[in-house]
Amino acid sequence: MKRRPGELPIHIKTDMIRRKPIRWLGDSLNRVREFSPDARREIGTELRNVQEGEMPSDWKPMRSVGPGVNEIRVHAGGEYRALYVAKFAESVYVLHAFEKQARKTPKNDIDLAQKRYRDLIAERREK
């Protein structure tokens, strides 16, 4: 296939994907930084998928936190979770991240994510 002078190769044109920026709420970024290297890598990959409009490979809705909130589930030598909301056009918001110790998500983790979700909604209304 012949290109015109100054034209970019086709593979570059099709590889450009619009990604929503990630906004880390509270201490969620620092918590992810404390995860094992494998868990950090998997959380990063899953969040990149979300930024590109895809769903994570292992997730579940967290309606108890708020509408549109999902949980990324990572199994990397332990159980790791990241709660996020991607329904807004401007960003993917990571509400909370934690290492899961018990079968049921602890109430304090759900409460913290709910508070951050409520604060996010209030902040968006003020704009």
C-alpha atoms as a PDB file:
ATOM      1  CA  MET A   1       0.000   0.000   0.000  1.00  0.00           C
ATOM      2  CA  LYS A   2       1.457   3.315  -1.050  1.00  0.00           C
ATOM      3  CA  ARG A   3       1.346   6.304   1.313  1.00  0.00           C
ATOM      4  CA  ARG A   4       1.213   9.934   0.398  1.00  0.00           C
ATOM      5  CA  PRO A   5       4.040  12.165   1.678  1.00  0.00           C
ATOM      6  CA  GLY A   6       3.431  13.099   5.327  1.00  0.00           C
ATOM      7  CA  GLU A   7       0.727  10.460   5.841  1.00  0.00           C
ATOM      8  CA  LEU A   8       1.053   8.314   8.967  1.00  0.00           C
ATOM      9  CA  PRO A   9       1.055   4.530   8.707  1.00  0.00           C
ATOM     10  CA  ILE A  10      -2.394   3.027   9.204  1.00  0.00           C
ATOM     11  CA  HIS A  11      -1.426   1.005  12.284  1.00  0.00           C
ATOM     12  CA  ILE A  12      -0.671   4.218  14.171  1.00  0.00           C
ATOM     13  CA  LYS A  13      -4.044   5.712  13.259  1.00  0.00           C
ATOM     14  CA  THR A  14      -5.972   2.679  14.506  1.00  0.00           C
ATOM     15  CA  ASP A  15      -3.873   2.218  17.651  1.00  0.00           C
ATOM     16  CA  MET A  16      -4.864   5.577  19.087  1.00  0.00           C
ATOM     17  CA  ILE A  17      -7.493   4.934  21.748  1.00  0.00           C
ATOM     18  CA  ARG A  18      -9.109   7.630  23.838  1.00  0.00           C
ATOM     19  CA  ARG A  19      -8.684   6.901  27.515  1.00  0.00           C
ATOM     20  CA  LYS A  20     -10.583   8.575  30.317  1.00  0.00           C
ATOM     21  CA  PRO A  21      -8.235   9.920  32.974  1.00  0.00           C
ATOM     22  CA  ILE A  22      -8.241   8.245  36.378  1.00  0.00           C
ATOM     23  CA  ARG A  23      -8.998  10.313  39.452  1.00  0.00           C
ATOM     24  CA  TRP A  24      -7.933   8.654  42.689  1.00  0.00           C
ATOM     25  CA  LEU A  25     -10.110   9.651  45.646  1.00  0.00           C
ATOM     26  CA  GLY A  26      -8.808   9.789  49.197  1.00  0.00           C
ATOM     27  CA  ASP A  27      -5.917   7.417  49.849  1.00  0.00           C
ATOM     28  CA  SER A  28      -6.894   4.924  47.134  1.00  0.00           C
ATOM     29  CA  LEU A  29      -3.695   5.439  45.100  1.00  0.00           C
ATOM     30  CA  ASN A  30      -1.474   4.997  48.158  1.00  0.00           C
ATOM     31  CA  ARG A  31      -3.355   1.837  49.063  1.00  0.00           C
ATOM     32  CA  VAL A  32      -2.794   0.367  45.590  1.00  0.00           C
ATOM     33  CA  ARG A  33       0.899   1.259  45.891  1.00  0.00           C
ATOM     34  CA  GLU A  34       1.008  -0.933  49.020  1.00  0.00           C
ATOM     35  CA  PHE A  35      -0.314  -3.992  47.112  1.00  0.00           C
ATOM     36  CA  SER A  36       2.042  -6.742  45.986  1.00  0.00           C
ATOM     37  CA  PRO A  37       3.770  -6.055  42.635  1.00  0.00           C
ATOM     38  CA  ASP A  38       1.588  -8.657  40.866  1.00  0.00           C
ATOM     39  CA  ALA A  39      -1.608  -7.165  42.318  1.00  0.00           C
ATOM     40  CA  ARG A  40      -0.536  -3.623  41.338  1.00  0.00           C
ATOM     41  CA  ARG A  41       0.158  -4.767  37.787  1.00  0.00           C
ATOM     42  CA  GLU A  42      -3.222  -6.518  37.494  1.00  0.00           C
ATOM     43  CA  ILE A  43      -5.141  -3.578  38.993  1.00  0.00           C
ATOM     44  CA  GLY A  44      -3.350  -1.264  36.541  1.00  0.00           C
ATOM     45  CA  THR A  45      -4.241  -3.485  33.583  1.00  0.00           C
ATOM     46  CA  GLU A  46      -7.864  -3.713  34.655  1.00  0.00           C
ATOM     47  CA  LEU A  47      -8.123   0.050  35.177  1.00  0.00           C
ATOM     48  CA  ARG A  48      -6.622   0.656  31.725  1.00  0.00           C
ATOM     49  CA  ASN A  49      -9.376  -1.538  30.279  1.00  0.00           C
ATOM     50  CA  VAL A  50     -11.953   0.557  32.135  1.00  0.00           C
ATOM     51  CA  GLN A  51     -10.340   3.778  30.847  1.00  0.00           C
ATOM     52  CA  GLU A  52     -10.777   2.447  27.306  1.00  0.00           C
ATOM     53  CA  GLY A  53     -14.462   1.674  27.844  1.00  0.00           C
ATOM     54  CA  GLU A  54     -14.069  -2.064  28.466  1.00  0.00           C
ATOM     55  CA  MET A  55     -15.107  -4.052  31.511  1.00  0.00           C
ATOM     56  CA  PRO A  56     -12.533  -5.644  33.808  1.00  0.00           C
ATOM     57  CA  SER A  57     -11.984  -9.388  33.452  1.00  0.00           C
ATOM     58  CA  ASP A  58     -13.244 -10.089  37.004  1.00  0.00           C
ATOM     59  CA  TRP A  59     -15.693  -7.640  38.519  1.00  0.00           C
ATOM     60  CA  LYS A  60     -19.029  -7.267  40.230  1.00  0.00           C
ATOM     61  CA  PRO A  61     -21.438  -4.376  40.681  1.00  0.00           C
ATOM     62  CA  MET A  62     -21.415  -2.744  44.118  1.00  0.00           C
ATOM     63  CA  ARG A  63     -24.919  -1.315  44.270  1.00  0.00           C
ATOM     64  CA  SER A  64     -24.578  -1.068  48.056  1.00  0.00           C
ATOM     65  CA  VAL A  65     -21.973   1.677  47.500  1.00  0.00           C
ATOM     66  CA  GLY A  66     -23.854   3.563  44.788  1.00  0.00           C
ATOM     67  CA  PRO A  67     -25.317   3.366  41.288  1.00  0.00           C
ATOM     68  CA  GLY A  68     -22.651   2.569  38.707  1.00  0.00           C
ATOM     69  CA  VAL A  69     -20.009   1.515  41.249  1.00  0.00           C
ATOM     70  CA  ASN A  70     -18.117  -1.663  40.374  1.00  0.00           C
ATOM     71  CA  GLU A  71     -15.493  -3.731  42.133  1.00  0.00           C
ATOM     72  CA  ILE A  72     -12.383  -4.994  40.350  1.00  0.00           C
ATOM     73  CA  ARG A  73     -11.385  -8.344  41.826  1.00  0.00           C
ATOM     74  CA  VAL A  74      -7.734  -9.412  41.667  1.00  0.00           C
ATOM     75  CA  HIS A  75      -6.421 -12.763  42.868  1.00  0.00           C
ATOM     76  CA  ALA A  76      -2.621 -12.399  43.069  1.00  0.00           C
ATOM     77  CA  GLY A  77      -1.274 -14.252  46.098  1.00  0.00           C
ATOM     78  CA  GLY A  78      -4.105 -12.638  48.050  1.00  0.00           C
ATOM     79  CA  GLU A  79      -7.421 -10.982  47.375  1.00  0.00           C
ATOM     80  CA  TYR A  80      -7.301  -7.349  46.274  1.00  0.00           C
ATOM     81  CA  ARG A  81     -10.149  -5.012  45.415  1.00  0.00           C
ATOM     82  CA  ALA A  82     -10.592  -1.604  43.786  1.00  0.00           C
ATOM     83  CA  LEU A  83     -13.981   0.107  43.837  1.00  0.00           C
ATOM     84  CA  TYR A  84     -14.540   2.539  40.988  1.00  0.00           C
ATOM     85  CA  VAL A  85     -17.197   4.405  39.054  1.00  0.00           C
ATOM     86  CA  ALA A  86     -16.795   5.023  35.310  1.00  0.00           C
ATOM     87  CA  LYS A  87     -20.272   6.238  34.353  1.00  0.00           C
ATOM     88  CA  PHE A  88     -19.213   9.880  34.136  1.00  0.00           C
ATOM     89  CA  ALA A  89     -17.795  11.171  30.857  1.00  0.00           C
ATOM     90  CA  GLU A  90     -14.860  13.081  32.322  1.00  0.00           C
ATOM     91  CA  SER A  91     -13.027  10.448  34.421  1.00  0.00           C
ATOM     92  CA  VAL A  92     -12.824   7.037  35.987  1.00  0.00           C
ATOM     93  CA  TYR A  93     -13.020   7.607  39.745  1.00  0.00           C
ATOM     94  CA  VAL A  94     -11.306   5.090  42.036  1.00  0.00           C
ATOM     95  CA  LEU A  95     -13.219   5.357  45.285  1.00  0.00           C
ATOM     96  CA  HIS A  96     -11.308   2.872  47.427  1.00  0.00           C
ATOM     97  CA  ALA A  97      -8.805   0.017  47.235  1.00  0.00           C
ATOM     98  CA  PHE A  98      -8.016  -2.630  49.812  1.00  0.00           C
ATOM     99  CA  GLU A  99      -6.694  -6.117  50.436  1.00  0.00           C
ATOM    100  CA  LYS A 100      -9.605  -8.362  51.297  1.00  0.00           C
ATOM    101  CA  GLN A 101      -9.098 -10.500  54.405  1.00  0.00           C
ATOM    102  CA  ALA A 102     -12.501 -12.155  54.782  1.00  0.00           C
ATOM    103  CA  ARG A 103     -15.136 -13.617  52.477  1.00  0.00           C
ATOM    104  CA  LYS A 104     -17.491 -10.690  53.053  1.00  0.00           C
ATOM    105  CA  THR A 105     -16.349  -7.135  52.280  1.00  0.00           C
ATOM    106  CA  PRO A 106     -15.885  -5.379  55.635  1.00  0.00           C
ATOM    107  CA  LYS A 107     -18.488  -2.756  56.512  1.00  0.00           C
ATOM    108  CA  ASN A 108     -15.853  -0.064  57.110  1.00  0.00           C
ATOM    109  CA  ASP A 109     -14.568  -0.487  53.511  1.00  0.00           C
ATOM    110  CA  ILE A 110     -18.111  -0.200  52.116  1.00  0.00           C
ATOM    111  CA  ASP A 111     -18.853   2.797  54.357  1.00  0.00           C
ATOM    112  CA  LEU A 112     -15.694   4.605  53.208  1.00  0.00           C
ATOM    113  CA  ALA A 113     -16.481   3.971  49.527  1.00  0.00           C
ATOM    114  CA  GLN A 114     -20.080   5.179  50.080  1.00  0.00           C
ATOM    115  CA  LYS A 115     -18.841   8.403  51.694  1.00  0.00           C
ATOM    116  CA  ARG A 116     -16.411   9.066  48.835  1.00  0.00           C
ATOM    117  CA  TYR A 117     -19.167   8.358  46.306  1.00  0.00           C
ATOM    118  CA  ARG A 118     -21.558  10.780  48.052  1.00  0.00           C
ATOM    119  CA  ASP A 119     -18.810  13.430  48.215  1.00  0.00           C
ATOM    120  CA  LEU A 120     -18.083  12.924  44.498  1.00  0.00           C
ATOM    121  CA  ILE A 121     -21.761  13.364  43.591  1.00  0.00           C
ATOM    122  CA  ALA A 122     -21.978  16.520  45.735  1.00  0.00           C
ATOM    123  CA  GLU A 123     -18.805  17.932  44.132  1.00  0.00           C
ATOM    124  CA  ARG A 124     -20.136  17.273  40.614  1.00  0.00           C
ATOM    125  CA  ARG A 125     -23.432  19.028  41.462  1.00  0.00           C
ATOM    126  CA  GLU A 126     -21.558  22.160  42.563  1.00  0.00           C
ATOM    127  CA  LYS A 127     -19.835  22.508  39.178  1.00  0.00           C
END
